[in-house]
């Protein structure tokens, strides 16, 4: 969501060494229009993702509801909290995903998300979802479903390794926490490899839509924007101020200091 759940990619990782059943690989007979439009750009109809970039929903997503802080975490991750969907739509889609893709993992007496709950949680999107995930896992209490906890711990370790791979070699400036949401989709590795988004190494001063090997949207290809520091500042604040019909899911960073940190970091990667 935002308009998809891509930005959650390195924060809710796929289960490690867990193969879903044949039935779980089938797409539900009904999928909400909001899921089809807002989520299926990255997630598949059957709830599967792309290892390392797009999170797995099947037989996994409800597991977080069994952990202290997990319920709040699922709505506070940037991809959900910054979604263009309304609070009611987010609540409805989240409830549907939990029941459609991981019904066995739902805790006893599960109470569906409400629009008011979602509205309160998404007011403060996580700036460092990976750290929050670690705090959630650190508060694990005795749980009879030890297999579930083991899987989540394994997923966390895998996600940490993937996050490091996505970030790649750092420049002379330490990567700021504000860049975490960018790193979920954009690698900065020296080899120029792309992820869900194009590699951002060398982006300052570069023309838009030209990174080799990345499938840009038509709007980005035709924008002819040069990513100067001032243009980047405006784009990071609100992407649609620069490219009105961009398909990028990021909703923007209102804090000028955090934007400056992100741009300064990108400059160090030239």
Protein backbone atom coordinates (compact mmCIF):
# COMPACT_ATOMS: atom_id res chain seq x y z
CA UNK A 1 0.00 0.00 0.00
CA UNK A 2 1.37 3.47 -0.49
CA UNK A 3 0.20 2.65 -3.14
CA UNK A 4 1.62 -0.80 -2.46
CA UNK A 5 3.28 -2.48 0.47
CA UNK A 6 6.71 -2.24 -1.18
CA UNK A 7 8.12 0.03 1.49
CA UNK A 8 7.58 -2.74 4.03
CA UNK A 9 9.77 -5.07 2.01
CA UNK A 10 12.81 -5.17 4.27
CA UNK A 11 10.81 -4.95 7.47
CA UNK A 12 8.40 -7.89 7.21
CA UNK A 13 10.50 -10.48 5.42
CA UNK A 14 9.53 -13.83 3.93
CA UNK A 15 9.58 -16.93 6.11
CA UNK A 16 12.86 -18.75 5.94
CA UNK A 17 12.76 -22.41 5.00
CA UNK A 18 8.97 -22.56 5.15
CA UNK A 19 7.11 -23.84 2.10
CA UNK A 20 3.42 -22.97 1.88
CA UNK A 21 0.95 -25.69 1.06
CA UNK A 22 -0.34 -26.12 -2.48
CA UNK A 23 -3.67 -24.63 -1.42
CA UNK A 24 -1.94 -21.52 -0.07
CA UNK A 25 -0.42 -20.90 -3.50
CA UNK A 26 -3.86 -20.36 -5.01
CA UNK A 27 -5.25 -16.85 -5.26
CA UNK A 28 -8.39 -16.24 -3.16
CA UNK A 29 -11.57 -16.35 -5.21
CA UNK A 30 -12.32 -12.81 -4.07
CA UNK A 31 -9.86 -9.96 -3.64
CA UNK A 32 -10.88 -6.41 -2.69
CA UNK A 33 -10.46 -3.81 -5.40
CA UNK A 34 -8.20 -1.84 -3.03
CA UNK A 35 -5.83 -4.81 -2.80
CA UNK A 36 -5.85 -5.38 -6.56
CA UNK A 37 -5.13 -1.72 -7.35
CA UNK A 38 -2.93 -0.74 -4.42
CA UNK A 39 -1.03 -3.92 -3.56
CA UNK A 40 -0.79 -6.22 -6.57
CA UNK A 41 1.77 -4.01 -8.26
CA UNK A 42 4.32 -5.75 -6.03
CA UNK A 43 2.51 -8.56 -4.22
CA UNK A 44 0.99 -11.39 -6.18
CA UNK A 45 -2.66 -12.33 -6.10
CA UNK A 46 -1.85 -15.42 -4.00
CA UNK A 47 -0.13 -13.30 -1.32
CA UNK A 48 3.41 -14.24 -2.27
CA UNK A 49 6.13 -11.65 -2.66
CA UNK A 50 9.65 -11.32 -3.97
CA UNK A 51 12.36 -12.54 -1.57
CA UNK A 52 14.49 -9.66 -0.35
CA UNK A 53 12.21 -6.93 -1.66
CA UNK A 54 8.50 -7.69 -1.31
CA UNK A 55 7.14 -9.32 1.88
CA UNK A 56 5.34 -12.64 2.04
CA UNK A 57 1.79 -12.64 3.40
CA UNK A 58 0.97 -16.34 3.09
CA UNK A 59 1.11 -18.28 6.36
CA UNK A 60 3.07 -15.44 7.93
CA UNK A 61 1.39 -12.06 8.33
CA UNK A 62 -0.90 -13.03 11.23
CA UNK A 63 2.10 -14.26 13.24
CA UNK A 64 2.87 -10.67 14.26
CA UNK A 65 -0.47 -10.41 16.05
CA UNK A 66 0.77 -13.05 18.49
CA UNK A 67 3.63 -10.79 19.63
CA UNK A 68 3.50 -7.79 21.98
CA UNK A 69 3.56 -4.70 19.77
CA UNK A 70 3.09 -6.71 16.58
CA UNK A 71 -0.44 -5.48 15.92
CA UNK A 72 0.71 -1.86 16.11
CA UNK A 73 3.80 -2.61 14.04
CA UNK A 74 1.85 -3.91 11.03
CA UNK A 75 0.05 -0.59 10.59
CA UNK A 76 2.94 1.68 11.58
CA UNK A 77 5.42 0.49 8.95
CA UNK A 78 5.89 3.26 6.36
CA UNK A 79 4.28 1.43 3.44
CA UNK A 80 1.00 1.13 5.34
CA UNK A 81 1.08 4.30 7.43
CA UNK A 82 1.83 6.48 4.40
CA UNK A 83 -0.64 4.77 2.09
CA UNK A 84 -2.98 6.92 0.01
CA UNK A 85 -5.85 4.67 1.11
CA UNK A 86 -8.24 5.99 3.75
CA UNK A 87 -8.14 4.70 7.32
CA UNK A 88 -11.25 2.63 6.64
CA UNK A 89 -9.78 1.16 3.44
CA UNK A 90 -6.50 0.28 5.19
CA UNK A 91 -8.41 -1.40 8.03
CA UNK A 92 -10.59 -3.36 5.61
CA UNK A 93 -7.69 -4.49 3.43
CA UNK A 94 -5.54 -5.42 6.44
CA UNK A 95 -8.36 -7.48 7.99
CA UNK A 96 -8.97 -9.20 4.67
CA UNK A 97 -5.29 -10.05 4.20
CA UNK A 98 -4.98 -11.51 7.69
CA UNK A 99 -7.99 -13.77 7.19
CA UNK A 100 -7.31 -14.64 3.54
CA UNK A 101 -3.58 -15.31 3.67
CA UNK A 102 -2.92 -16.50 7.22
CA UNK A 103 -6.17 -17.59 8.91
CA UNK A 104 -4.43 -20.29 10.97
CA UNK A 105 -2.10 -17.71 12.49
CA UNK A 106 -4.85 -15.45 13.85
CA UNK A 107 -4.84 -15.31 17.65
CA UNK A 108 -7.90 -16.59 19.50
CA UNK A 109 -10.47 -13.84 19.89
CA UNK A 110 -8.92 -11.74 17.11
CA UNK A 111 -10.48 -8.28 16.92
CA UNK A 112 -10.40 -6.74 13.44
CA UNK A 113 -8.66 -3.43 12.88
CA UNK A 114 -10.97 -0.42 12.99
CA UNK A 115 -10.61 2.83 11.07
CA UNK A 116 -10.08 4.77 14.31
CA UNK A 117 -7.28 2.40 15.39
CA UNK A 118 -5.59 2.66 12.01
CA UNK A 119 -5.97 6.44 12.03
CA UNK A 120 -4.23 6.71 15.39
CA UNK A 121 -1.40 4.32 14.50
CA UNK A 122 -0.53 5.81 11.13
CA UNK A 123 -0.05 9.31 12.56
CA UNK A 124 3.48 8.27 13.56
CA UNK A 125 5.00 6.11 10.80
CA UNK A 126 8.19 4.32 11.78
CA UNK A 127 11.37 6.00 10.57
CA UNK A 128 13.40 2.88 11.34
CA UNK A 129 11.09 -0.10 10.98
CA UNK A 130 13.95 -2.62 11.25
CA UNK A 131 14.82 -1.41 14.76
CA UNK A 132 11.16 -1.49 15.77
CA UNK A 133 10.87 -5.05 14.50
CA UNK A 134 13.83 -5.99 16.70
CA UNK A 135 12.13 -4.41 19.72
CA UNK A 136 8.93 -6.32 18.99
CA UNK A 137 10.82 -9.59 18.78
CA UNK A 138 12.78 -8.78 21.95
CA UNK A 139 9.51 -8.60 23.89
CA UNK A 140 8.46 -12.11 22.91
CA UNK A 141 6.86 -13.84 25.87
CA UNK A 142 6.45 -17.57 26.41
CA UNK A 143 4.42 -18.81 23.48
CA UNK A 144 3.23 -22.37 22.88
CA UNK A 145 3.63 -21.87 19.14
CA UNK A 146 7.41 -22.06 19.30
CA UNK A 147 7.59 -22.89 15.60
CA UNK A 148 5.98 -19.55 14.76
CA UNK A 149 8.46 -17.66 16.95
CA UNK A 150 11.41 -19.55 15.46
CA UNK A 151 10.26 -18.69 11.97
CA UNK A 152 9.89 -15.01 12.83
CA UNK A 153 13.32 -14.94 14.44
CA UNK A 154 14.78 -16.54 11.33
CA UNK A 155 12.96 -14.02 9.15
CA UNK A 156 14.38 -11.17 11.24
CA UNK A 157 17.94 -12.40 10.81
CA UNK A 158 17.42 -12.85 7.08
CA UNK A 159 15.88 -9.38 6.79
CA UNK A 160 18.86 -7.81 8.54
CA UNK A 161 21.22 -9.46 6.05
CA UNK A 162 19.05 -8.34 3.13
CA UNK A 163 18.90 -4.79 4.44
CA UNK A 164 22.67 -4.65 4.53
CA UNK A 165 22.89 -6.01 1.01
CA UNK A 166 20.37 -3.47 -0.26
CA UNK A 167 22.22 -0.58 1.33
CA UNK A 168 25.54 -1.68 -0.10
CA UNK A 169 28.84 0.07 0.60
CA UNK A 170 28.38 3.33 2.43
CA UNK A 171 29.97 6.61 1.44
CA UNK A 172 31.95 9.02 3.60
CA UNK A 173 28.70 10.05 5.33
CA UNK A 174 27.00 7.61 7.70
CA UNK A 175 23.63 6.45 6.38
CA UNK A 176 21.01 8.35 8.42
CA UNK A 177 17.94 6.73 9.94
CA UNK A 178 15.81 8.90 7.67
CA UNK A 179 17.14 6.95 4.67
CA UNK A 180 15.77 3.62 5.94
CA UNK A 181 12.50 3.98 4.06
CA UNK A 182 14.43 4.66 0.83
CA UNK A 183 16.76 1.69 1.36
CA UNK A 184 13.75 -0.64 1.45
CA UNK A 185 13.46 -0.29 -2.33
CA UNK A 186 16.57 1.58 -3.52
CA UNK A 187 20.04 -0.03 -3.39
CA UNK A 188 23.11 2.22 -3.35
CA UNK A 189 25.67 -0.47 -4.11
CA UNK A 190 28.71 0.41 -6.19
CA UNK A 191 27.87 -2.24 -8.80
CA UNK A 192 24.77 -0.26 -9.80
CA UNK A 193 22.38 -3.18 -9.21
CA UNK A 194 18.73 -2.17 -9.01
CA UNK A 195 16.07 -3.36 -6.60
CA UNK A 196 12.36 -2.59 -6.48
CA UNK A 197 13.54 0.94 -7.25
CA UNK A 198 16.57 2.14 -9.22
CA UNK A 199 20.02 2.26 -7.65
CA UNK A 200 20.58 5.72 -6.14
CA UNK A 201 24.38 5.83 -6.17
CA UNK A 202 25.34 8.84 -8.27
CA UNK A 203 21.77 10.13 -8.50
CA UNK A 204 22.68 13.72 -7.57
CA UNK A 205 23.10 15.56 -10.86
CA UNK A 206 21.77 12.64 -12.91
CA UNK A 207 18.90 12.90 -15.36
CA UNK A 208 15.71 11.08 -14.38
CA UNK A 209 14.75 7.72 -15.86
CA UNK A 210 18.13 6.67 -17.25
CA UNK A 211 19.56 4.18 -14.75
CA UNK A 212 20.59 1.11 -16.83
CA UNK A 213 18.46 -1.99 -16.47
CA UNK A 214 15.56 -0.45 -14.54
CA UNK A 215 12.00 -0.46 -15.94
CA UNK A 216 10.88 3.10 -15.32
CA UNK A 217 7.29 4.26 -15.65
CA UNK A 218 6.38 6.37 -18.66
CA UNK A 219 6.00 9.43 -16.46
CA UNK A 220 9.54 9.08 -15.14
CA UNK A 221 10.99 8.33 -18.56
CA UNK A 222 9.43 11.45 -20.09
CA UNK A 223 10.03 13.80 -17.15
CA UNK A 224 13.50 14.96 -18.26
CA UNK A 225 14.25 16.09 -14.70
CA UNK A 226 17.81 16.62 -13.50
CA UNK A 227 18.21 15.55 -9.89
CA UNK A 228 19.87 18.64 -8.49
CA UNK A 229 19.88 19.08 -4.72
CA UNK A 230 16.96 21.52 -4.87
CA UNK A 231 14.90 19.24 -7.13
CA UNK A 232 15.63 16.27 -4.89
CA UNK A 233 14.55 18.28 -1.85
CA UNK A 234 11.21 19.08 -3.47
CA UNK A 235 10.77 15.51 -4.72
CA UNK A 236 11.54 13.94 -1.34
CA UNK A 237 9.13 16.36 0.33
CA UNK A 238 6.35 15.42 -2.09
CA UNK A 239 7.17 13.34 -5.19
CA UNK A 240 4.09 14.51 -7.07
CA UNK A 241 5.21 18.12 -6.85
CA UNK A 242 7.95 17.20 -9.34
CA UNK A 243 6.33 14.36 -11.31
CA UNK A 244 2.56 14.60 -10.93
CA UNK A 245 1.71 11.09 -12.12
CA UNK A 246 4.67 9.19 -10.70
CA UNK A 247 3.95 5.60 -9.74
CA UNK A 248 6.42 5.80 -6.84
CA UNK A 249 4.77 4.71 -3.61
CA UNK A 250 6.66 7.09 -1.28
CA UNK A 251 4.39 9.79 0.15
CA UNK A 252 7.10 12.28 1.14
CA UNK A 253 9.14 13.61 4.06
CA UNK A 254 7.85 16.92 5.51
CA UNK A 255 10.84 17.49 7.82
CA UNK A 256 13.46 19.69 6.11
CA UNK A 257 16.29 18.48 8.34
CA UNK A 258 15.62 14.84 7.53
CA UNK A 259 15.48 15.65 3.81
CA UNK A 260 18.82 17.43 4.10
CA UNK A 261 20.31 14.35 5.80
CA UNK A 262 19.09 12.11 3.01
CA UNK A 263 20.45 14.37 0.27
CA UNK A 264 23.79 14.80 2.04
CA UNK A 265 24.09 11.03 2.24
CA UNK A 266 23.29 10.64 -1.47
CA UNK A 267 25.92 13.28 -2.31
CA UNK A 268 28.52 11.19 -0.49
CA UNK A 269 27.81 8.28 -2.84
CA UNK A 270 28.84 10.07 -6.03
